[in-house]
ModelCIF file with pLDDT and N, C-alpha, C, O atoms, coordinates in Angstrom:
data_MODEL
#
_entry.id   MODEL 
#
_entity.id                         1 
_entity.type                       polymer 
_entity.pdbx_number_of_molecules   1 
#
_entity_poly.entity_id                      1 
_entity_poly.type                           'polypeptide(L)' 
_entity_poly.nstd_linkage                   no 
_entity_poly.nstd_monomer                   no 
_entity_poly.pdbx_seq_one_letter_code       AALPEFRDALPEGARAFASEAGHYDYTSERCVKDLELADIALPTTT 
_entity_poly.pdbx_seq_one_letter_code_can   AALPEFRDALPEGARAFASEAGHYDYTSERCVKDLELADIALPTTT 
_entity_poly.pdbx_strand_id                 A 
#
loop_
_entity_poly_seq.entity_id 
_entity_poly_seq.num 
_entity_poly_seq.mon_id 
_entity_poly_seq.hetero 
1 1  ALA n 
1 2  ALA n 
1 3  LEU n 
1 4  PRO n 
1 5  GLU n 
1 6  PHE n 
1 7  ARG n 
1 8  ASP n 
1 9  ALA n 
1 10 LEU n 
1 11 PRO n 
1 12 GLU n 
1 13 GLY n 
1 14 ALA n 
1 15 ARG n 
1 16 ALA n 
1 17 PHE n 
1 18 ALA n 
1 19 SER n 
1 20 GLU n 
1 21 ALA n 
1 22 GLY n 
1 23 HIS n 
1 24 TYR n 
1 25 ASP n 
1 26 TYR n 
1 27 THR n 
1 28 SER n 
1 29 GLU n 
1 30 ARG n 
1 31 CYS n 
1 32 VAL n 
1 33 LYS n 
1 34 ASP n 
1 35 LEU n 
1 36 GLU n 
1 37 LEU n 
1 38 ALA n 
1 39 ASP n 
1 40 ILE n 
1 41 ALA n 
1 42 LEU n 
1 43 PRO n 
1 44 THR n 
1 45 THR n 
1 46 THR n 
#
_struct_asym.id          A 
_struct_asym.entity_id   1 
#
loop_
_ma_qa_metric.id 
_ma_qa_metric.mode 
_ma_qa_metric.name 
_ma_qa_metric.software_group_id 
_ma_qa_metric.type 
1 global pLDDT . pLDDT 
2 local  pLDDT . pLDDT 
#
_ma_qa_metric_global.metric_id      1 
_ma_qa_metric_global.metric_value   92.11 
_ma_qa_metric_global.model_id       1 
_ma_qa_metric_global.ordinal_id     1 
#
loop_
_ma_qa_metric_local.label_asym_id 
_ma_qa_metric_local.label_comp_id 
_ma_qa_metric_local.label_seq_id 
_ma_qa_metric_local.metric_id 
_ma_qa_metric_local.metric_value 
_ma_qa_metric_local.model_id 
_ma_qa_metric_local.ordinal_id 
A ALA 1  2 96.00 1 1  
A ALA 2  2 97.00 1 2  
A LEU 3  2 97.00 1 3  
A PRO 4  2 96.00 1 4  
A GLU 5  2 97.00 1 5  
A PHE 6  2 97.00 1 6  
A ARG 7  2 96.00 1 7  
A ASP 8  2 97.00 1 8  
A ALA 9  2 97.00 1 9  
A LEU 10 2 98.00 1 10 
A PRO 11 2 98.00 1 11 
A GLU 12 2 98.00 1 12 
A GLY 13 2 98.00 1 13 
A ALA 14 2 98.00 1 14 
A ARG 15 2 98.00 1 15 
A ALA 16 2 98.00 1 16 
A PHE 17 2 97.00 1 17 
A ALA 18 2 97.00 1 18 
A SER 19 2 96.00 1 19 
A GLU 20 2 95.00 1 20 
A ALA 21 2 90.00 1 21 
A GLY 22 2 92.00 1 22 
A HIS 23 2 95.00 1 23 
A TYR 24 2 93.00 1 24 
A ASP 25 2 92.00 1 25 
A TYR 26 2 90.00 1 26 
A THR 27 2 90.00 1 27 
A SER 28 2 90.00 1 28 
A GLU 29 2 89.00 1 29 
A ARG 30 2 90.00 1 30 
A CYS 31 2 93.00 1 31 
A VAL 32 2 93.00 1 32 
A LYS 33 2 93.00 1 33 
A ASP 34 2 90.00 1 34 
A LEU 35 2 92.00 1 35 
A GLU 36 2 92.00 1 36 
A LEU 37 2 93.00 1 37 
A ALA 38 2 93.00 1 38 
A ASP 39 2 93.00 1 39 
A ILE 40 2 93.00 1 40 
A ALA 41 2 92.00 1 41 
A LEU 42 2 87.00 1 42 
A PRO 43 2 76.00 1 43 
A THR 44 2 73.00 1 44 
A THR 45 2 68.00 1 45 
A THR 46 2 64.00 1 46 
#
loop_
_atom_site.group_PDB 
_atom_site.id 
_atom_site.type_symbol 
_atom_site.label_atom_id 
_atom_site.label_alt_id 
_atom_site.label_comp_id 
_atom_site.label_asym_id 
_atom_site.label_entity_id 
_atom_site.label_seq_id 
_atom_site.pdbx_PDB_ins_code 
_atom_site.Cartn_x 
_atom_site.Cartn_y 
_atom_site.Cartn_z 
_atom_site.occupancy 
_atom_site.B_iso_or_equiv 
_atom_site.pdbx_formal_charge 
_atom_site.auth_seq_id 
_atom_site.auth_comp_id 
_atom_site.auth_asym_id 
_atom_site.auth_atom_id 
_atom_site.pdbx_PDB_model_num 
ATOM 1   N N  . ALA A 1 1  ? -2.151  13.637  -0.636  1.00 96.00 ? 1  ALA A N  1 
ATOM 2   C CA . ALA A 1 1  ? -1.421  14.902  -0.328  1.00 96.00 ? 1  ALA A CA 1 
ATOM 3   C C  . ALA A 1 1  ? -0.452  15.585  0.733   1.00 96.00 ? 1  ALA A C  1 
ATOM 4   O O  . ALA A 1 1  ? 0.232   16.605  0.829   1.00 96.00 ? 1  ALA A O  1 
ATOM 5   N N  . ALA A 1 2  ? -0.830  14.256  1.606   1.00 97.00 ? 2  ALA A N  1 
ATOM 6   C CA . ALA A 1 2  ? 0.565   14.604  2.708   1.00 97.00 ? 2  ALA A CA 1 
ATOM 7   C C  . ALA A 1 2  ? 1.311   13.845  2.571   1.00 97.00 ? 2  ALA A C  1 
ATOM 8   O O  . ALA A 1 2  ? 2.201   13.916  3.418   1.00 97.00 ? 2  ALA A O  1 
ATOM 9   N N  . LEU A 1 3  ? 1.461   12.804  1.624   1.00 97.00 ? 3  LEU A N  1 
ATOM 10  C CA . LEU A 1 3  ? 2.393   11.679  1.787   1.00 97.00 ? 3  LEU A CA 1 
ATOM 11  C C  . LEU A 1 3  ? 3.812   12.283  0.872   1.00 97.00 ? 3  LEU A C  1 
ATOM 12  O O  . LEU A 1 3  ? 4.797   11.558  0.731   1.00 97.00 ? 3  LEU A O  1 
ATOM 13  N N  . PRO A 1 4  ? 3.770   13.356  0.429   1.00 96.00 ? 4  PRO A N  1 
ATOM 14  C CA . PRO A 1 4  ? 5.413   13.923  0.236   1.00 96.00 ? 4  PRO A CA 1 
ATOM 15  C C  . PRO A 1 4  ? 5.495   14.060  1.619   1.00 96.00 ? 4  PRO A C  1 
ATOM 16  O O  . PRO A 1 4  ? 5.662   12.869  1.880   1.00 96.00 ? 4  PRO A O  1 
ATOM 17  N N  . GLU A 1 5  ? 5.506   14.721  2.903   1.00 97.00 ? 5  GLU A N  1 
ATOM 18  C CA . GLU A 1 5  ? 5.780   14.758  3.792   1.00 97.00 ? 5  GLU A CA 1 
ATOM 19  C C  . GLU A 1 5  ? 7.001   13.662  4.580   1.00 97.00 ? 5  GLU A C  1 
ATOM 20  O O  . GLU A 1 5  ? 8.156   13.799  4.982   1.00 97.00 ? 5  GLU A O  1 
ATOM 21  N N  . PHE A 1 6  ? 6.042   12.593  4.525   1.00 97.00 ? 6  PHE A N  1 
ATOM 22  C CA . PHE A 1 6  ? 6.124   11.823  5.858   1.00 97.00 ? 6  PHE A CA 1 
ATOM 23  C C  . PHE A 1 6  ? 6.917   9.910   4.406   1.00 97.00 ? 6  PHE A C  1 
ATOM 24  O O  . PHE A 1 6  ? 7.237   8.722   4.454   1.00 97.00 ? 6  PHE A O  1 
ATOM 25  N N  . ARG A 1 7  ? 6.744   11.242  3.339   1.00 96.00 ? 7  ARG A N  1 
ATOM 26  C CA . ARG A 1 7  ? 6.830   9.228   2.771   1.00 96.00 ? 7  ARG A CA 1 
ATOM 27  C C  . ARG A 1 7  ? 8.362   8.975   2.829   1.00 96.00 ? 7  ARG A C  1 
ATOM 28  O O  . ARG A 1 7  ? 8.853   7.955   2.346   1.00 96.00 ? 7  ARG A O  1 
ATOM 29  N N  . ASP A 1 8  ? 9.036   9.855   3.385   1.00 97.00 ? 8  ASP A N  1 
ATOM 30  C CA . ASP A 1 8  ? 10.878  9.270   3.768   1.00 97.00 ? 8  ASP A CA 1 
ATOM 31  C C  . ASP A 1 8  ? 10.967  8.522   5.002   1.00 97.00 ? 8  ASP A C  1 
ATOM 32  O O  . ASP A 1 8  ? 11.957  7.972   5.486   1.00 97.00 ? 8  ASP A O  1 
ATOM 33  N N  . ALA A 1 9  ? 9.694   8.590   5.470   1.00 97.00 ? 9  ALA A N  1 
ATOM 34  C CA . ALA A 1 9  ? 9.550   8.235   7.049   1.00 97.00 ? 9  ALA A CA 1 
ATOM 35  C C  . ALA A 1 9  ? 9.482   6.571   7.055   1.00 97.00 ? 9  ALA A C  1 
ATOM 36  O O  . ALA A 1 9  ? 9.846   5.786   7.930   1.00 97.00 ? 9  ALA A O  1 
ATOM 37  N N  . LEU A 1 10 ? 8.734   6.266   5.438   1.00 98.00 ? 10 LEU A N  1 
ATOM 38  C CA . LEU A 1 10 ? 8.452   4.893   5.961   1.00 98.00 ? 10 LEU A CA 1 
ATOM 39  C C  . LEU A 1 10 ? 9.612   3.953   5.247   1.00 98.00 ? 10 LEU A C  1 
ATOM 40  O O  . LEU A 1 10 ? 10.181  4.085   4.163   1.00 98.00 ? 10 LEU A O  1 
ATOM 41  N N  . PRO A 1 11 ? 9.729   3.011   6.224   1.00 98.00 ? 11 PRO A N  1 
ATOM 42  C CA . PRO A 1 11 ? 10.525  1.915   5.813   1.00 98.00 ? 11 PRO A CA 1 
ATOM 43  C C  . PRO A 1 11 ? 10.362  1.438   3.769   1.00 98.00 ? 11 PRO A C  1 
ATOM 44  O O  . PRO A 1 11 ? 9.371   1.521   3.045   1.00 98.00 ? 11 PRO A O  1 
ATOM 45  N N  . GLU A 1 12 ? 11.313  1.127   3.551   1.00 98.00 ? 12 GLU A N  1 
ATOM 46  C CA . GLU A 1 12 ? 11.811  0.808   1.854   1.00 98.00 ? 12 GLU A CA 1 
ATOM 47  C C  . GLU A 1 12 ? 10.511  0.188   0.940   1.00 98.00 ? 12 GLU A C  1 
ATOM 48  O O  . GLU A 1 12 ? 10.224  0.609   -0.180  1.00 98.00 ? 12 GLU A O  1 
ATOM 49  N N  . GLY A 1 13 ? 9.654   -1.104  1.786   1.00 98.00 ? 13 GLY A N  1 
ATOM 50  C CA . GLY A 1 13 ? 8.669   -1.768  1.444   1.00 98.00 ? 13 GLY A CA 1 
ATOM 51  C C  . GLY A 1 13 ? 6.982   -1.047  1.308   1.00 98.00 ? 13 GLY A C  1 
ATOM 52  O O  . GLY A 1 13 ? 6.029   -1.096  0.530   1.00 98.00 ? 13 GLY A O  1 
ATOM 53  N N  . ALA A 1 14 ? 7.282   -0.519  2.339   1.00 98.00 ? 14 ALA A N  1 
ATOM 54  C CA . ALA A 1 14 ? 5.919   0.967   2.656   1.00 98.00 ? 14 ALA A CA 1 
ATOM 55  C C  . ALA A 1 14 ? 5.909   1.520   2.086   1.00 98.00 ? 14 ALA A C  1 
ATOM 56  O O  . ALA A 1 14 ? 4.809   2.038   1.893   1.00 98.00 ? 14 ALA A O  1 
ATOM 57  N N  . ARG A 1 15 ? 7.063   1.993   1.234   1.00 98.00 ? 15 ARG A N  1 
ATOM 58  C CA . ARG A 1 15 ? 7.376   3.897   1.026   1.00 98.00 ? 15 ARG A CA 1 
ATOM 59  C C  . ARG A 1 15 ? 6.845   2.831   -0.651  1.00 98.00 ? 15 ARG A C  1 
ATOM 60  O O  . ARG A 1 15 ? 5.954   3.281   -1.371  1.00 98.00 ? 15 ARG A O  1 
ATOM 61  N N  . ALA A 1 16 ? 7.288   1.992   -0.868  1.00 98.00 ? 16 ALA A N  1 
ATOM 62  C CA . ALA A 1 16 ? 6.967   1.787   -2.549  1.00 98.00 ? 16 ALA A CA 1 
ATOM 63  C C  . ALA A 1 16 ? 5.359   1.655   -2.427  1.00 98.00 ? 16 ALA A C  1 
ATOM 64  O O  . ALA A 1 16 ? 4.576   2.420   -2.990  1.00 98.00 ? 16 ALA A O  1 
ATOM 65  N N  . PHE A 1 17 ? 4.945   0.436   -1.508  1.00 97.00 ? 17 PHE A N  1 
ATOM 66  C CA . PHE A 1 17 ? 3.423   0.950   -1.796  1.00 97.00 ? 17 PHE A CA 1 
ATOM 67  C C  . PHE A 1 17 ? 2.662   1.625   -1.972  1.00 97.00 ? 17 PHE A C  1 
ATOM 68  O O  . PHE A 1 17 ? 1.896   1.671   -2.934  1.00 97.00 ? 17 PHE A O  1 
ATOM 69  N N  . ALA A 1 18 ? 2.770   2.806   -0.369  1.00 97.00 ? 18 ALA A N  1 
ATOM 70  C CA . ALA A 1 18 ? 2.125   3.614   -1.041  1.00 97.00 ? 18 ALA A CA 1 
ATOM 71  C C  . ALA A 1 18 ? 2.080   4.425   -1.936  1.00 97.00 ? 18 ALA A C  1 
ATOM 72  O O  . ALA A 1 18 ? 0.991   4.844   -2.328  1.00 97.00 ? 18 ALA A O  1 
ATOM 73  N N  . SER A 1 19 ? 3.251   4.843   -2.477  1.00 96.00 ? 19 SER A N  1 
ATOM 74  C CA . SER A 1 19 ? 4.089   5.630   -3.297  1.00 96.00 ? 19 SER A CA 1 
ATOM 75  C C  . SER A 1 19 ? 3.448   5.049   -4.699  1.00 96.00 ? 19 SER A C  1 
ATOM 76  O O  . SER A 1 19 ? 3.188   6.061   -5.350  1.00 96.00 ? 19 SER A O  1 
ATOM 77  N N  . GLU A 1 20 ? 3.128   4.063   -5.353  1.00 95.00 ? 20 GLU A N  1 
ATOM 78  C CA . GLU A 1 20 ? 2.796   3.012   -6.643  1.00 95.00 ? 20 GLU A CA 1 
ATOM 79  C C  . GLU A 1 20 ? 2.083   3.778   -7.129  1.00 95.00 ? 20 GLU A C  1 
ATOM 80  O O  . GLU A 1 20 ? 1.190   4.252   -6.427  1.00 95.00 ? 20 GLU A O  1 
ATOM 81  N N  . ALA A 1 21 ? 2.230   4.236   -8.699  1.00 90.00 ? 21 ALA A N  1 
ATOM 82  C CA . ALA A 1 21 ? 1.614   4.887   -9.038  1.00 90.00 ? 21 ALA A CA 1 
ATOM 83  C C  . ALA A 1 21 ? 0.018   4.243   -9.581  1.00 90.00 ? 21 ALA A C  1 
ATOM 84  O O  . ALA A 1 21 ? 0.081   3.334   -10.409 1.00 90.00 ? 21 ALA A O  1 
ATOM 85  N N  . GLY A 1 22 ? -1.019  4.586   -9.242  1.00 92.00 ? 22 GLY A N  1 
ATOM 86  C CA . GLY A 1 22 ? -2.001  4.050   -9.334  1.00 92.00 ? 22 GLY A CA 1 
ATOM 87  C C  . GLY A 1 22 ? -2.558  3.592   -8.027  1.00 92.00 ? 22 GLY A C  1 
ATOM 88  O O  . GLY A 1 22 ? -3.722  3.404   -8.380  1.00 92.00 ? 22 GLY A O  1 
ATOM 89  N N  . HIS A 1 23 ? -2.525  3.269   -6.700  1.00 95.00 ? 23 HIS A N  1 
ATOM 90  C CA . HIS A 1 23 ? -2.691  2.913   -5.755  1.00 95.00 ? 23 HIS A CA 1 
ATOM 91  C C  . HIS A 1 23 ? -3.921  3.783   -5.356  1.00 95.00 ? 23 HIS A C  1 
ATOM 92  O O  . HIS A 1 23 ? -4.916  3.531   -4.677  1.00 95.00 ? 23 HIS A O  1 
ATOM 93  N N  . TYR A 1 24 ? -3.552  4.759   -5.939  1.00 93.00 ? 24 TYR A N  1 
ATOM 94  C CA . TYR A 1 24 ? -4.952  5.356   -5.273  1.00 93.00 ? 24 TYR A CA 1 
ATOM 95  C C  . TYR A 1 24 ? -6.226  6.160   -6.282  1.00 93.00 ? 24 TYR A C  1 
ATOM 96  O O  . TYR A 1 24 ? -6.939  7.081   -5.883  1.00 93.00 ? 24 TYR A O  1 
ATOM 97  N N  . ASP A 1 25 ? -6.276  5.442   -7.859  1.00 92.00 ? 25 ASP A N  1 
ATOM 98  C CA . ASP A 1 25 ? -6.632  5.938   -8.822  1.00 92.00 ? 25 ASP A CA 1 
ATOM 99  C C  . ASP A 1 25 ? -7.755  4.873   -9.216  1.00 92.00 ? 25 ASP A C  1 
ATOM 100 O O  . ASP A 1 25 ? -7.720  3.642   -9.225  1.00 92.00 ? 25 ASP A O  1 
ATOM 101 N N  . TYR A 1 26 ? -8.641  5.673   -9.499  1.00 90.00 ? 26 TYR A N  1 
ATOM 102 C CA . TYR A 1 26 ? -9.554  4.169   -8.932  1.00 90.00 ? 26 TYR A CA 1 
ATOM 103 C C  . TYR A 1 26 ? -9.890  3.596   -9.932  1.00 90.00 ? 26 TYR A C  1 
ATOM 104 O O  . TYR A 1 26 ? -10.636 2.617   -9.953  1.00 90.00 ? 26 TYR A O  1 
ATOM 105 N N  . THR A 1 27 ? -9.235  4.286   -11.169 1.00 90.00 ? 27 THR A N  1 
ATOM 106 C CA . THR A 1 27 ? -9.172  3.810   -12.571 1.00 90.00 ? 27 THR A CA 1 
ATOM 107 C C  . THR A 1 27 ? -8.366  2.742   -13.320 1.00 90.00 ? 27 THR A C  1 
ATOM 108 O O  . THR A 1 27 ? -8.457  2.185   -14.415 1.00 90.00 ? 27 THR A O  1 
ATOM 109 N N  . SER A 1 28 ? -7.205  2.673   -11.841 1.00 90.00 ? 28 SER A N  1 
ATOM 110 C CA . SER A 1 28 ? -6.078  1.617   -11.916 1.00 90.00 ? 28 SER A CA 1 
ATOM 111 C C  . SER A 1 28 ? -6.467  0.280   -11.438 1.00 90.00 ? 28 SER A C  1 
ATOM 112 O O  . SER A 1 28 ? -6.998  -0.239  -10.456 1.00 90.00 ? 28 SER A O  1 
ATOM 113 N N  . GLU A 1 29 ? -5.790  -0.153  -12.963 1.00 89.00 ? 29 GLU A N  1 
ATOM 114 C CA . GLU A 1 29 ? -5.355  -2.012  -11.993 1.00 89.00 ? 29 GLU A CA 1 
ATOM 115 C C  . GLU A 1 29 ? -4.769  -1.911  -10.878 1.00 89.00 ? 29 GLU A C  1 
ATOM 116 O O  . GLU A 1 29 ? -5.490  -2.306  -9.962  1.00 89.00 ? 29 GLU A O  1 
ATOM 117 N N  . ARG A 1 30 ? -3.625  -1.498  -10.509 1.00 90.00 ? 30 ARG A N  1 
ATOM 118 C CA . ARG A 1 30 ? -3.592  -1.257  -9.526  1.00 90.00 ? 30 ARG A CA 1 
ATOM 119 C C  . ARG A 1 30 ? -4.065  -0.162  -8.305  1.00 90.00 ? 30 ARG A C  1 
ATOM 120 O O  . ARG A 1 30 ? -3.241  0.198   -7.465  1.00 90.00 ? 30 ARG A O  1 
ATOM 121 N N  . CYS A 1 31 ? -5.298  0.270   -8.291  1.00 93.00 ? 31 CYS A N  1 
ATOM 122 C CA . CYS A 1 31 ? -5.780  0.732   -7.243  1.00 93.00 ? 31 CYS A CA 1 
ATOM 123 C C  . CYS A 1 31 ? -6.488  -0.482  -6.189  1.00 93.00 ? 31 CYS A C  1 
ATOM 124 O O  . CYS A 1 31 ? -7.088  -1.524  -6.454  1.00 93.00 ? 31 CYS A O  1 
ATOM 125 N N  . VAL A 1 32 ? -6.110  0.187   -4.852  1.00 93.00 ? 32 VAL A N  1 
ATOM 126 C CA . VAL A 1 32 ? -6.450  -1.269  -3.982  1.00 93.00 ? 32 VAL A CA 1 
ATOM 127 C C  . VAL A 1 32 ? -7.783  -1.132  -3.986  1.00 93.00 ? 32 VAL A C  1 
ATOM 128 O O  . VAL A 1 32 ? -8.251  -2.247  -3.755  1.00 93.00 ? 32 VAL A O  1 
ATOM 129 N N  . LYS A 1 33 ? -8.757  -0.232  -4.149  1.00 93.00 ? 33 LYS A N  1 
ATOM 130 C CA . LYS A 1 33 ? -10.312 -0.275  -3.922  1.00 93.00 ? 33 LYS A CA 1 
ATOM 131 C C  . LYS A 1 33 ? -10.893 -1.195  -4.919  1.00 93.00 ? 33 LYS A C  1 
ATOM 132 O O  . LYS A 1 33 ? -10.890 -1.209  -6.150  1.00 93.00 ? 33 LYS A O  1 
ATOM 133 N N  . ASP A 1 34 ? -11.510 -2.141  -3.795  1.00 90.00 ? 34 ASP A N  1 
ATOM 134 C CA . ASP A 1 34 ? -12.727 -2.900  -5.000  1.00 90.00 ? 34 ASP A CA 1 
ATOM 135 C C  . ASP A 1 34 ? -11.681 -4.306  -5.171  1.00 90.00 ? 34 ASP A C  1 
ATOM 136 O O  . ASP A 1 34 ? -11.870 -5.001  -6.169  1.00 90.00 ? 34 ASP A O  1 
ATOM 137 N N  . LEU A 1 35 ? -10.504 -4.739  -4.117  1.00 92.00 ? 35 LEU A N  1 
ATOM 138 C CA . LEU A 1 35 ? -9.797  -5.538  -4.121  1.00 92.00 ? 35 LEU A CA 1 
ATOM 139 C C  . LEU A 1 35 ? -11.107 -6.694  -2.929  1.00 92.00 ? 35 LEU A C  1 
ATOM 140 O O  . LEU A 1 35 ? -12.207 -6.504  -2.411  1.00 92.00 ? 35 LEU A O  1 
ATOM 141 N N  . GLU A 1 36 ? -10.201 -7.726  -2.993  1.00 92.00 ? 36 GLU A N  1 
ATOM 142 C CA . GLU A 1 36 ? -11.739 -8.548  -2.307  1.00 92.00 ? 36 GLU A CA 1 
ATOM 143 C C  . GLU A 1 36 ? -10.944 -9.735  -1.481  1.00 92.00 ? 36 GLU A C  1 
ATOM 144 O O  . GLU A 1 36 ? -10.366 -10.698 -1.986  1.00 92.00 ? 36 GLU A O  1 
ATOM 145 N N  . LEU A 1 37 ? -11.053 -9.446  -0.208  1.00 93.00 ? 37 LEU A N  1 
ATOM 146 C CA . LEU A 1 37 ? -10.503 -10.643 1.167   1.00 93.00 ? 37 LEU A CA 1 
ATOM 147 C C  . LEU A 1 37 ? -10.394 -11.797 0.408   1.00 93.00 ? 37 LEU A C  1 
ATOM 148 O O  . LEU A 1 37 ? -11.355 -12.187 -0.256  1.00 93.00 ? 37 LEU A O  1 
ATOM 149 N N  . ALA A 1 38 ? -9.514  -12.290 0.424   1.00 93.00 ? 38 ALA A N  1 
ATOM 150 C CA . ALA A 1 38 ? -9.274  -14.106 0.041   1.00 93.00 ? 38 ALA A CA 1 
ATOM 151 C C  . ALA A 1 38 ? -8.907  -14.575 1.216   1.00 93.00 ? 38 ALA A C  1 
ATOM 152 O O  . ALA A 1 38 ? -9.611  -15.440 1.737   1.00 93.00 ? 38 ALA A O  1 
ATOM 153 N N  . ASP A 1 39 ? -7.697  -14.087 1.896   1.00 93.00 ? 39 ASP A N  1 
ATOM 154 C CA . ASP A 1 39 ? -6.918  -14.958 3.059   1.00 93.00 ? 39 ASP A CA 1 
ATOM 155 C C  . ASP A 1 39 ? -6.268  -14.377 4.530   1.00 93.00 ? 39 ASP A C  1 
ATOM 156 O O  . ASP A 1 39 ? -6.093  -13.175 4.731   1.00 93.00 ? 39 ASP A O  1 
ATOM 157 N N  . ILE A 1 40 ? -6.144  -14.782 4.905   1.00 93.00 ? 40 ILE A N  1 
ATOM 158 C CA . ILE A 1 40 ? -5.290  -14.123 6.113   1.00 93.00 ? 40 ILE A CA 1 
ATOM 159 C C  . ILE A 1 40 ? -4.831  -14.648 7.394   1.00 93.00 ? 40 ILE A C  1 
ATOM 160 O O  . ILE A 1 40 ? -5.551  -14.868 8.368   1.00 93.00 ? 40 ILE A O  1 
ATOM 161 N N  . ALA A 1 41 ? -3.315  -14.867 7.294   1.00 92.00 ? 41 ALA A N  1 
ATOM 162 C CA . ALA A 1 41 ? -1.808  -15.536 7.824   1.00 92.00 ? 41 ALA A CA 1 
ATOM 163 C C  . ALA A 1 41 ? -2.005  -14.771 8.887   1.00 92.00 ? 41 ALA A C  1 
ATOM 164 O O  . ALA A 1 41 ? -2.268  -13.585 8.689   1.00 92.00 ? 41 ALA A O  1 
ATOM 165 N N  . LEU A 1 42 ? -1.939  -15.171 9.958   1.00 87.00 ? 42 LEU A N  1 
ATOM 166 C CA . LEU A 1 42 ? -1.978  -14.383 11.298  1.00 87.00 ? 42 LEU A CA 1 
ATOM 167 C C  . LEU A 1 42 ? -0.423  -14.661 11.259  1.00 87.00 ? 42 LEU A C  1 
ATOM 168 O O  . LEU A 1 42 ? 0.192   -15.395 10.485  1.00 87.00 ? 42 LEU A O  1 
ATOM 169 N N  . PRO A 1 43 ? 0.198   -13.639 12.620  1.00 76.00 ? 43 PRO A N  1 
ATOM 170 C CA . PRO A 1 43 ? 1.745   -13.155 12.696  1.00 76.00 ? 43 PRO A CA 1 
ATOM 171 C C  . PRO A 1 43 ? 2.302   -14.821 13.404  1.00 76.00 ? 43 PRO A C  1 
ATOM 172 O O  . PRO A 1 43 ? 1.593   -15.733 13.828  1.00 76.00 ? 43 PRO A O  1 
ATOM 173 N N  . THR A 1 44 ? 3.171   -14.772 13.351  1.00 73.00 ? 44 THR A N  1 
ATOM 174 C CA . THR A 1 44 ? 4.041   -15.907 13.667  1.00 73.00 ? 44 THR A CA 1 
ATOM 175 C C  . THR A 1 44 ? 4.907   -15.650 14.380  1.00 73.00 ? 44 THR A C  1 
ATOM 176 O O  . THR A 1 44 ? 5.128   -14.467 14.122  1.00 73.00 ? 44 THR A O  1 
ATOM 177 N N  . THR A 1 45 ? 5.760   -16.031 15.330  1.00 68.00 ? 45 THR A N  1 
ATOM 178 C CA . THR A 1 45 ? 6.897   -15.525 16.044  1.00 68.00 ? 45 THR A CA 1 
ATOM 179 C C  . THR A 1 45 ? 7.505   -16.619 16.552  1.00 68.00 ? 45 THR A C  1 
ATOM 180 O O  . THR A 1 45 ? 7.104   -17.672 17.047  1.00 68.00 ? 45 THR A O  1 
ATOM 181 N N  . THR A 1 46 ? 9.202   -15.848 16.181  1.00 64.00 ? 46 THR A N  1 
ATOM 182 C CA . THR A 1 46 ? 10.041  -17.468 16.757  1.00 64.00 ? 46 THR A CA 1 
ATOM 183 C C  . THR A 1 46 ? 11.042  -16.481 17.644  1.00 64.00 ? 46 THR A C  1 
ATOM 184 O O  . THR A 1 46 ? 11.932  -16.970 18.340  1.00 64.00 ? 46 THR A O  1 
#
């Protein structure tokens, strides 16, 4: 419900991810709920 208020303040990639159809639809294959953690690559600096 709040996403439309701040969506345009998100950077492009984050905006697309947060707004993706199905992101919060528990019946969607594109819902993040129930994904299983596989790998974390820590930040690197240059």
